[in-house]
């Protein structure tokens, strides 16, 4: 029987090898963009800089701040029936 690795905490973020997935996404997106634009080195440097900046931003804010910011800007919808429109400033009965 194989042994399974369980996270130490129930709310631990998903990881790939040693890195958190949200740290790797800017680098992977820059890698794909660099391959498509035929500017791999420039895109990788920008991806590393953006990932470093995002990590510093994430460490200074509360947990889940980036998701709340994306929702507030209207870029990420949540459950449509349970959450109100972030752009509505007045609610009438």
N, C-alpha and C. Protein backbone atom coordinates (compact mmCIF):
# COMPACT_ATOMS: atom_id res chain seq x y z
N UNK A 1 0.84 -1.17 0.00
CA UNK A 1 0.00 0.00 0.00
C UNK A 1 0.88 1.24 0.00
N UNK A 2 0.51 2.23 -0.83
CA UNK A 2 1.27 3.47 -0.93
C UNK A 2 0.94 4.41 0.22
N UNK A 3 1.93 5.17 0.62
CA UNK A 3 1.67 6.20 1.62
C UNK A 3 1.23 7.47 0.92
N UNK A 4 0.35 8.22 1.55
CA UNK A 4 -0.15 9.46 0.99
C UNK A 4 0.37 10.64 1.80
N UNK A 5 0.72 11.71 1.11
CA UNK A 5 1.15 12.93 1.79
C UNK A 5 -0.05 13.83 1.98
N UNK A 6 -0.36 14.12 3.22
CA UNK A 6 -1.45 15.03 3.54
C UNK A 6 -0.88 16.38 3.92
N UNK A 7 -1.61 17.46 3.62
CA UNK A 7 -1.14 18.77 4.06
C UNK A 7 -1.16 18.87 5.58
N UNK A 8 -0.30 19.71 6.11
CA UNK A 8 -0.22 19.86 7.56
C UNK A 8 -1.42 20.61 8.11
N UNK A 9 -1.96 21.52 7.32
CA UNK A 9 -3.12 22.30 7.73
C UNK A 9 -4.23 22.12 6.72
N UNK A 10 -5.46 22.26 7.15
CA UNK A 10 -6.59 22.04 6.26
C UNK A 10 -6.67 23.10 5.17
N UNK A 11 -6.22 24.32 5.45
CA UNK A 11 -6.34 25.39 4.47
C UNK A 11 -5.01 25.73 3.80
N UNK A 12 -4.11 24.78 3.75
CA UNK A 12 -2.81 24.99 3.12
C UNK A 12 -2.98 25.11 1.61
N UNK A 13 -2.37 26.11 0.98
CA UNK A 13 -2.55 26.30 -0.47
C UNK A 13 -1.89 25.17 -1.27
N UNK A 14 -2.38 24.92 -2.48
CA UNK A 14 -1.77 23.86 -3.30
C UNK A 14 -0.36 24.24 -3.73
N UNK A 15 0.50 23.25 -3.83
CA UNK A 15 1.89 23.49 -4.20
C UNK A 15 2.29 22.58 -5.35
N UNK A 16 3.34 22.99 -6.05
CA UNK A 16 3.96 22.18 -7.09
C UNK A 16 5.44 22.12 -6.75
N UNK A 17 5.91 20.95 -6.39
CA UNK A 17 7.26 20.74 -5.87
C UNK A 17 7.47 21.62 -4.63
N UNK A 18 8.23 22.70 -4.72
CA UNK A 18 8.50 23.53 -3.55
C UNK A 18 7.72 24.84 -3.52
N UNK A 19 7.05 25.19 -4.63
CA UNK A 19 6.46 26.52 -4.74
C UNK A 19 4.94 26.46 -4.69
N UNK A 20 4.35 27.53 -4.16
CA UNK A 20 2.90 27.66 -4.19
C UNK A 20 2.46 27.94 -5.61
N UNK A 21 1.27 27.46 -5.96
CA UNK A 21 0.80 27.63 -7.33
C UNK A 21 0.58 29.09 -7.69
N UNK A 22 0.14 29.91 -6.74
CA UNK A 22 -0.07 31.31 -7.08
C UNK A 22 1.25 32.05 -7.29
N UNK A 23 2.36 31.52 -6.77
CA UNK A 23 3.67 32.10 -7.06
C UNK A 23 4.18 31.69 -8.44
N UNK A 24 3.80 30.50 -8.88
CA UNK A 24 4.27 30.00 -10.16
C UNK A 24 3.47 30.51 -11.35
N UNK A 25 2.22 30.90 -11.14
CA UNK A 25 1.37 31.28 -12.27
C UNK A 25 1.93 32.46 -13.08
N UNK A 26 2.43 33.55 -12.46
CA UNK A 26 3.00 34.62 -13.29
C UNK A 26 4.19 34.15 -14.12
N UNK A 27 5.00 33.28 -13.56
CA UNK A 27 6.17 32.78 -14.29
C UNK A 27 5.75 31.89 -15.44
N UNK A 28 4.77 31.03 -15.22
CA UNK A 28 4.30 30.14 -16.29
C UNK A 28 3.61 30.93 -17.40
N UNK A 29 2.80 31.92 -17.02
CA UNK A 29 2.14 32.75 -18.03
C UNK A 29 3.16 33.55 -18.84
N UNK A 30 4.19 34.05 -18.19
CA UNK A 30 5.25 34.76 -18.91
C UNK A 30 6.01 33.81 -19.82
N UNK A 31 6.24 32.59 -19.38
CA UNK A 31 6.92 31.60 -20.21
C UNK A 31 6.12 31.31 -21.47
N UNK A 32 4.83 31.10 -21.33
CA UNK A 32 3.99 30.83 -22.50
C UNK A 32 3.94 32.05 -23.41
N UNK A 33 3.77 33.23 -22.83
CA UNK A 33 3.76 34.45 -23.64
C UNK A 33 5.07 34.69 -24.35
N UNK A 34 6.17 34.40 -23.69
CA UNK A 34 7.48 34.56 -24.31
C UNK A 34 7.72 33.60 -25.44
N UNK A 35 7.22 32.38 -25.30
CA UNK A 35 7.34 31.41 -26.38
C UNK A 35 6.51 31.85 -27.59
N UNK A 36 5.28 32.31 -27.32
CA UNK A 36 4.42 32.74 -28.42
C UNK A 36 4.94 34.00 -29.10
N UNK A 37 5.55 34.91 -28.35
CA UNK A 37 6.06 36.16 -28.92
C UNK A 37 7.50 36.03 -29.40
N UNK A 38 8.11 34.88 -29.20
CA UNK A 38 9.50 34.64 -29.58
C UNK A 38 10.45 35.58 -28.85
N UNK A 39 10.13 35.91 -27.62
CA UNK A 39 10.97 36.73 -26.74
C UNK A 39 11.06 36.06 -25.37
N UNK A 40 11.63 34.87 -25.34
CA UNK A 40 11.60 34.05 -24.13
C UNK A 40 12.37 34.67 -22.97
N UNK A 41 13.57 35.17 -23.21
CA UNK A 41 14.40 35.69 -22.13
C UNK A 41 13.77 36.92 -21.48
N UNK A 42 13.26 37.83 -22.31
CA UNK A 42 12.62 39.04 -21.78
C UNK A 42 11.38 38.67 -20.97
N UNK A 43 10.58 37.75 -21.49
CA UNK A 43 9.37 37.34 -20.80
C UNK A 43 9.68 36.64 -19.48
N UNK A 44 10.71 35.81 -19.46
CA UNK A 44 11.08 35.13 -18.21
C UNK A 44 11.56 36.12 -17.15
N UNK A 45 12.34 37.10 -17.56
CA UNK A 45 12.79 38.12 -16.61
C UNK A 45 11.59 38.88 -16.05
N UNK A 46 10.67 39.28 -16.93
CA UNK A 46 9.46 39.97 -16.47
C UNK A 46 8.61 39.08 -15.58
N UNK A 47 8.52 37.79 -15.91
CA UNK A 47 7.76 36.85 -15.09
C UNK A 47 8.35 36.69 -13.70
N UNK A 48 9.68 36.59 -13.62
CA UNK A 48 10.33 36.48 -12.31
C UNK A 48 10.12 37.75 -11.49
N UNK A 49 10.24 38.91 -12.13
CA UNK A 49 10.01 40.17 -11.41
C UNK A 49 8.56 40.29 -10.95
N UNK A 50 7.62 39.93 -11.80
CA UNK A 50 6.22 40.01 -11.42
C UNK A 50 5.90 39.02 -10.30
N UNK A 51 6.46 37.81 -10.37
CA UNK A 51 6.22 36.82 -9.31
C UNK A 51 6.80 37.30 -7.98
N UNK A 52 7.98 37.92 -8.02
CA UNK A 52 8.59 38.45 -6.80
C UNK A 52 7.74 39.59 -6.23
N UNK A 53 7.26 40.48 -7.09
CA UNK A 53 6.41 41.57 -6.64
C UNK A 53 5.09 41.07 -6.08
N UNK A 54 4.50 40.07 -6.73
CA UNK A 54 3.25 39.49 -6.22
C UNK A 54 3.47 38.84 -4.87
N UNK A 55 4.59 38.14 -4.69
CA UNK A 55 4.87 37.48 -3.41
C UNK A 55 5.00 38.51 -2.29
N UNK A 56 5.68 39.63 -2.57
CA UNK A 56 5.80 40.68 -1.56
C UNK A 56 4.44 41.30 -1.26
N UNK A 57 3.62 41.52 -2.29
CA UNK A 57 2.28 42.06 -2.11
C UNK A 57 1.43 41.11 -1.28
N UNK A 58 1.48 39.80 -1.59
CA UNK A 58 0.69 38.80 -0.88
C UNK A 58 1.10 38.70 0.59
N UNK A 59 2.38 38.81 0.86
CA UNK A 59 2.84 38.67 2.24
C UNK A 59 2.45 39.87 3.10
N UNK A 60 2.26 41.04 2.49
CA UNK A 60 1.88 42.23 3.25
C UNK A 60 0.38 42.31 3.52
N UNK A 61 -0.44 41.61 2.73
CA UNK A 61 -1.89 41.71 2.85
C UNK A 61 -2.44 40.52 3.63
N UNK A 62 -3.73 40.62 3.95
CA UNK A 62 -4.41 39.52 4.63
C UNK A 62 -4.64 38.37 3.65
N UNK A 63 -4.89 37.19 4.19
CA UNK A 63 -5.14 36.02 3.35
C UNK A 63 -6.39 36.25 2.50
N UNK A 64 -6.32 35.91 1.23
CA UNK A 64 -7.45 36.05 0.33
C UNK A 64 -7.67 37.45 -0.20
N UNK A 65 -6.75 38.37 0.04
CA UNK A 65 -6.92 39.76 -0.39
C UNK A 65 -6.96 39.87 -1.91
N UNK A 66 -6.13 39.12 -2.60
CA UNK A 66 -6.09 39.22 -4.06
C UNK A 66 -7.40 38.76 -4.68
N UNK A 67 -8.01 37.70 -4.14
CA UNK A 67 -9.29 37.23 -4.66
C UNK A 67 -10.39 38.26 -4.41
N UNK A 68 -10.38 38.88 -3.24
CA UNK A 68 -11.36 39.92 -2.95
C UNK A 68 -11.16 41.12 -3.86
N UNK A 69 -9.91 41.46 -4.15
CA UNK A 69 -9.63 42.59 -5.04
C UNK A 69 -10.11 42.29 -6.46
N UNK A 70 -9.88 41.06 -6.95
CA UNK A 70 -10.36 40.69 -8.28
C UNK A 70 -11.88 40.73 -8.34
N UNK A 71 -12.56 40.29 -7.28
CA UNK A 71 -14.01 40.36 -7.25
C UNK A 71 -14.48 41.81 -7.24
N UNK A 72 -13.85 42.64 -6.44
CA UNK A 72 -14.26 44.03 -6.32
C UNK A 72 -14.08 44.78 -7.64
N UNK A 73 -13.06 44.43 -8.41
CA UNK A 73 -12.83 45.05 -9.70
C UNK A 73 -13.73 44.48 -10.79
N UNK A 74 -14.48 43.42 -10.47
CA UNK A 74 -15.39 42.82 -11.44
C UNK A 74 -14.72 41.83 -12.36
N UNK A 75 -13.51 41.37 -12.03
CA UNK A 75 -12.78 40.45 -12.89
C UNK A 75 -13.01 38.99 -12.56
N UNK A 76 -13.53 38.70 -11.36
CA UNK A 76 -13.75 37.32 -10.97
C UNK A 76 -15.14 37.20 -10.35
N UNK A 77 -16.07 36.54 -11.03
CA UNK A 77 -17.40 36.40 -10.45
C UNK A 77 -17.40 35.32 -9.38
N UNK A 78 -18.21 35.53 -8.37
CA UNK A 78 -18.44 34.51 -7.36
C UNK A 78 -19.79 33.88 -7.68
N UNK A 79 -20.36 33.18 -6.74
CA UNK A 79 -21.66 32.57 -6.97
C UNK A 79 -22.67 33.67 -7.29
N UNK A 80 -23.28 33.61 -8.45
CA UNK A 80 -24.11 34.71 -8.96
C UNK A 80 -25.36 34.94 -8.11
N UNK A 81 -25.91 33.93 -7.52
CA UNK A 81 -27.16 34.10 -6.77
C UNK A 81 -26.93 34.56 -5.33
N UNK A 82 -25.76 34.34 -4.80
CA UNK A 82 -25.56 34.64 -3.39
C UNK A 82 -24.75 35.90 -3.13
N UNK A 83 -23.99 36.37 -4.10
CA UNK A 83 -23.17 37.55 -3.88
C UNK A 83 -23.69 38.71 -4.71
N UNK A 84 -23.71 39.89 -4.14
CA UNK A 84 -24.23 41.04 -4.89
C UNK A 84 -23.22 41.56 -5.91
N UNK A 85 -23.70 42.41 -6.77
CA UNK A 85 -22.86 43.06 -7.77
C UNK A 85 -21.91 44.02 -7.05
N UNK A 86 -20.59 43.96 -7.29
CA UNK A 86 -19.67 44.85 -6.57
C UNK A 86 -19.80 46.30 -6.99
N UNK A 87 -20.43 46.58 -8.13
CA UNK A 87 -20.56 47.96 -8.60
C UNK A 87 -21.84 48.63 -8.11
N UNK A 88 -22.75 47.87 -7.53
CA UNK A 88 -23.99 48.45 -7.02
C UNK A 88 -23.71 49.15 -5.70
N UNK A 89 -24.01 50.44 -5.64
CA UNK A 89 -23.76 51.21 -4.42
C UNK A 89 -25.02 51.41 -3.59
N UNK A 90 -26.18 51.23 -4.22
CA UNK A 90 -27.45 51.36 -3.49
C UNK A 90 -28.28 50.11 -3.71
N UNK A 91 -28.88 49.68 -2.64
CA UNK A 91 -29.76 48.52 -2.72
C UNK A 91 -31.15 48.95 -2.29
N UNK A 92 -32.11 48.69 -3.15
CA UNK A 92 -33.48 49.03 -2.81
C UNK A 92 -34.26 47.75 -2.58
N UNK A 93 -35.22 47.79 -1.66
CA UNK A 93 -35.97 46.55 -1.36
C UNK A 93 -36.91 46.16 -2.48
